[in-house]
Amino acid sequence: MSTVTFRLSDDEKEFMQKMADFNGLSLSELARTKILESLEDQIDLETYNKLMKEHQTKDESISHAEMMKELGL
């Protein structure tokens, strides 16, 4: 397992420690979890933006009424 070190002010460390305690996590678990969640959210947003741009360029959606007709309902 690797170790990553980063610098924090005393106030930032105190805040992070309180949040770790509040969530029942170690400081290391909190940092790892939140950093990974943030990076995954960034990937999700980039994927959404890319696909939305493609959708707007080539919109193949149909209305509810058209779908009902197509399904014979």
N, C-alpha and C. Protein backbone atom coordinates (compact mmCIF):
# COMPACT_ATOMS: atom_id res chain seq x y z
N MET A 1 0.85 -1.17 0.00
CA MET A 1 0.00 0.00 0.00
C MET A 1 0.89 1.24 0.00
N SER A 2 0.49 2.25 -0.74
CA SER A 2 1.26 3.49 -0.85
C SER A 2 0.79 4.51 0.18
N THR A 3 1.65 5.47 0.43
CA THR A 3 1.34 6.57 1.34
C THR A 3 1.45 7.87 0.57
N VAL A 4 0.46 8.75 0.77
CA VAL A 4 0.46 10.08 0.17
C VAL A 4 0.44 11.09 1.31
N THR A 5 1.27 12.10 1.20
CA THR A 5 1.34 13.13 2.22
C THR A 5 0.96 14.47 1.60
N PHE A 6 0.15 15.25 2.30
CA PHE A 6 -0.15 16.61 1.84
C PHE A 6 -0.23 17.52 3.04
N ARG A 7 -0.01 18.79 2.80
CA ARG A 7 0.06 19.78 3.87
C ARG A 7 -1.29 20.44 4.09
N LEU A 8 -1.60 20.67 5.37
CA LEU A 8 -2.83 21.34 5.79
C LEU A 8 -2.49 22.37 6.85
N SER A 9 -3.31 23.39 6.93
CA SER A 9 -3.17 24.29 8.07
C SER A 9 -3.70 23.55 9.30
N ASP A 10 -3.39 24.06 10.46
CA ASP A 10 -3.90 23.44 11.69
C ASP A 10 -5.42 23.46 11.72
N ASP A 11 -6.01 24.56 11.25
CA ASP A 11 -7.47 24.66 11.22
C ASP A 11 -8.08 23.64 10.27
N GLU A 12 -7.46 23.45 9.11
CA GLU A 12 -7.96 22.46 8.14
C GLU A 12 -7.87 21.05 8.72
N LYS A 13 -6.76 20.75 9.37
CA LYS A 13 -6.61 19.41 9.96
C LYS A 13 -7.63 19.20 11.06
N GLU A 14 -7.84 20.20 11.89
CA GLU A 14 -8.82 20.09 12.96
C GLU A 14 -10.22 19.86 12.40
N PHE A 15 -10.57 20.61 11.35
CA PHE A 15 -11.88 20.44 10.71
C PHE A 15 -12.02 19.03 10.14
N MET A 16 -10.99 18.58 9.42
CA MET A 16 -11.05 17.24 8.83
C MET A 16 -11.14 16.16 9.91
N GLN A 17 -10.42 16.33 10.99
CA GLN A 17 -10.47 15.35 12.07
C GLN A 17 -11.87 15.31 12.69
N LYS A 18 -12.47 16.48 12.88
CA LYS A 18 -13.83 16.52 13.43
C LYS A 18 -14.82 15.84 12.48
N MET A 19 -14.66 16.07 11.18
CA MET A 19 -15.55 15.42 10.21
C MET A 19 -15.32 13.91 10.17
N ALA A 20 -14.07 13.49 10.30
CA ALA A 20 -13.77 12.06 10.35
C ALA A 20 -14.43 11.43 11.57
N ASP A 21 -14.30 12.10 12.72
CA ASP A 21 -14.92 11.60 13.95
C ASP A 21 -16.44 11.54 13.79
N PHE A 22 -17.01 12.58 13.23
CA PHE A 22 -18.46 12.66 13.02
C PHE A 22 -18.97 11.50 12.17
N ASN A 23 -18.16 11.12 11.17
CA ASN A 23 -18.54 10.04 10.25
C ASN A 23 -18.04 8.67 10.70
N GLY A 24 -17.40 8.60 11.87
CA GLY A 24 -16.92 7.33 12.37
C GLY A 24 -15.79 6.74 11.54
N LEU A 25 -14.95 7.62 10.99
CA LEU A 25 -13.85 7.19 10.14
C LEU A 25 -12.54 7.69 10.69
N SER A 26 -11.47 7.05 10.27
CA SER A 26 -10.16 7.61 10.57
C SER A 26 -9.93 8.78 9.62
N LEU A 27 -9.00 9.63 9.95
CA LEU A 27 -8.68 10.76 9.08
C LEU A 27 -8.24 10.26 7.70
N SER A 28 -7.47 9.21 7.68
CA SER A 28 -7.01 8.62 6.42
C SER A 28 -8.19 8.10 5.59
N GLU A 29 -9.12 7.39 6.23
CA GLU A 29 -10.30 6.87 5.51
C GLU A 29 -11.14 8.00 4.94
N LEU A 30 -11.34 9.05 5.73
CA LEU A 30 -12.12 10.20 5.27
C LEU A 30 -11.47 10.84 4.05
N ALA A 31 -10.18 11.11 4.13
CA ALA A 31 -9.47 11.76 3.03
C ALA A 31 -9.53 10.89 1.77
N ARG A 32 -9.22 9.61 1.91
CA ARG A 32 -9.23 8.70 0.76
C ARG A 32 -10.61 8.63 0.13
N THR A 33 -11.63 8.45 0.95
CA THR A 33 -13.00 8.32 0.46
C THR A 33 -13.46 9.58 -0.26
N LYS A 34 -13.26 10.72 0.37
CA LYS A 34 -13.74 11.98 -0.21
C LYS A 34 -12.97 12.37 -1.47
N ILE A 35 -11.67 12.12 -1.48
CA ILE A 35 -10.88 12.42 -2.68
C ILE A 35 -11.36 11.54 -3.84
N LEU A 36 -11.49 10.24 -3.60
CA LEU A 36 -11.93 9.33 -4.67
C LEU A 36 -13.34 9.66 -5.14
N GLU A 37 -14.25 9.97 -4.21
CA GLU A 37 -15.62 10.35 -4.60
C GLU A 37 -15.60 11.59 -5.48
N SER A 38 -14.80 12.57 -5.12
CA SER A 38 -14.71 13.81 -5.88
C SER A 38 -14.18 13.55 -7.29
N LEU A 39 -13.16 12.73 -7.40
CA LEU A 39 -12.60 12.42 -8.71
C LEU A 39 -13.59 11.62 -9.56
N GLU A 40 -14.31 10.69 -8.95
CA GLU A 40 -15.32 9.93 -9.68
C GLU A 40 -16.45 10.84 -10.14
N ASP A 41 -16.84 11.80 -9.30
CA ASP A 41 -17.86 12.76 -9.70
C ASP A 41 -17.40 13.60 -10.88
N GLN A 42 -16.12 13.94 -10.90
CA GLN A 42 -15.57 14.72 -12.01
C GLN A 42 -15.65 13.92 -13.31
N ILE A 43 -15.32 12.63 -13.25
CA ILE A 43 -15.42 11.77 -14.43
C ILE A 43 -16.87 11.66 -14.87
N ASP A 44 -17.79 11.46 -13.92
CA ASP A 44 -19.21 11.35 -14.25
C ASP A 44 -19.71 12.61 -14.93
N LEU A 45 -19.32 13.78 -14.44
CA LEU A 45 -19.77 15.04 -15.02
C LEU A 45 -19.21 15.20 -16.43
N GLU A 46 -17.95 14.86 -16.62
CA GLU A 46 -17.35 14.96 -17.96
C GLU A 46 -18.06 14.02 -18.93
N THR A 47 -18.36 12.81 -18.49
CA THR A 47 -19.09 11.85 -19.34
C THR A 47 -20.47 12.39 -19.68
N TYR A 48 -21.19 12.91 -18.68
CA TYR A 48 -22.51 13.50 -18.92
C TYR A 48 -22.43 14.63 -19.94
N ASN A 49 -21.48 15.54 -19.75
CA ASN A 49 -21.36 16.68 -20.67
C ASN A 49 -21.06 16.23 -22.10
N LYS A 50 -20.19 15.23 -22.24
CA LYS A 50 -19.85 14.70 -23.57
C LYS A 50 -21.09 14.09 -24.23
N LEU A 51 -21.79 13.24 -23.47
CA LEU A 51 -22.96 12.57 -24.04
C LEU A 51 -24.10 13.54 -24.31
N MET A 52 -24.28 14.55 -23.46
CA MET A 52 -25.32 15.55 -23.69
C MET A 52 -25.02 16.35 -24.95
N LYS A 53 -23.75 16.67 -25.17
CA LYS A 53 -23.37 17.39 -26.38
C LYS A 53 -23.67 16.54 -27.62
N GLU A 54 -23.34 15.24 -27.56
CA GLU A 54 -23.65 14.33 -28.66
C GLU A 54 -25.15 14.26 -28.88
N HIS A 55 -25.91 14.18 -27.81
CA HIS A 55 -27.38 14.11 -27.90
C HIS A 55 -27.94 15.36 -28.56
N GLN A 56 -27.44 16.52 -28.19
CA GLN A 56 -27.93 17.77 -28.75
C GLN A 56 -27.56 17.90 -30.22
N THR A 57 -26.43 17.31 -30.60
CA THR A 57 -26.00 17.35 -32.00
C THR A 57 -26.85 16.42 -32.86
N LYS A 58 -27.18 15.25 -32.32
CA LYS A 58 -27.95 14.25 -33.07
C LYS A 58 -29.05 13.72 -32.17
N ASP A 59 -30.12 14.49 -32.04
CA ASP A 59 -31.23 14.12 -31.16
C ASP A 59 -32.10 13.08 -31.84
N GLU A 60 -32.14 11.88 -31.26
CA GLU A 60 -32.95 10.80 -31.80
C GLU A 60 -34.12 10.46 -30.88
N SER A 61 -34.44 11.38 -29.97
CA SER A 61 -35.53 11.11 -29.03
C SER A 61 -36.88 11.25 -29.73
N ILE A 62 -37.88 10.59 -29.15
CA ILE A 62 -39.25 10.67 -29.68
C ILE A 62 -40.18 11.04 -28.53
N SER A 63 -41.36 11.53 -28.88
CA SER A 63 -42.31 11.94 -27.86
C SER A 63 -42.95 10.71 -27.21
N HIS A 64 -43.61 10.95 -26.09
CA HIS A 64 -44.31 9.88 -25.40
C HIS A 64 -45.39 9.30 -26.30
N ALA A 65 -46.11 10.17 -26.98
CA ALA A 65 -47.18 9.71 -27.88
C ALA A 65 -46.62 8.85 -29.01
N GLU A 66 -45.47 9.25 -29.55
CA GLU A 66 -44.85 8.46 -30.62
C GLU A 66 -44.42 7.11 -30.11
N MET A 67 -43.91 7.06 -28.90
CA MET A 67 -43.47 5.79 -28.33
C MET A 67 -44.67 4.88 -28.09
N MET A 68 -45.75 5.43 -27.56
CA MET A 68 -46.96 4.63 -27.32
C MET A 68 -47.48 4.05 -28.63
N LYS A 69 -47.49 4.87 -29.69
CA LYS A 69 -47.95 4.41 -31.01
C LYS A 69 -47.03 3.31 -31.52
N GLU A 70 -45.71 3.51 -31.39
CA GLU A 70 -44.74 2.54 -31.85
C GLU A 70 -44.89 1.20 -31.12
N LEU A 71 -45.25 1.27 -29.84
CA LEU A 71 -45.44 0.06 -29.06
C LEU A 71 -46.84 -0.53 -29.20
N GLY A 72 -47.70 0.17 -29.93
CA GLY A 72 -49.06 -0.32 -30.14
C GLY A 72 -49.93 -0.19 -28.91
N LEU A 73 -49.66 0.81 -28.09
CA LEU A 73 -50.43 1.02 -26.86
C LEU A 73 -51.34 2.20 -26.97
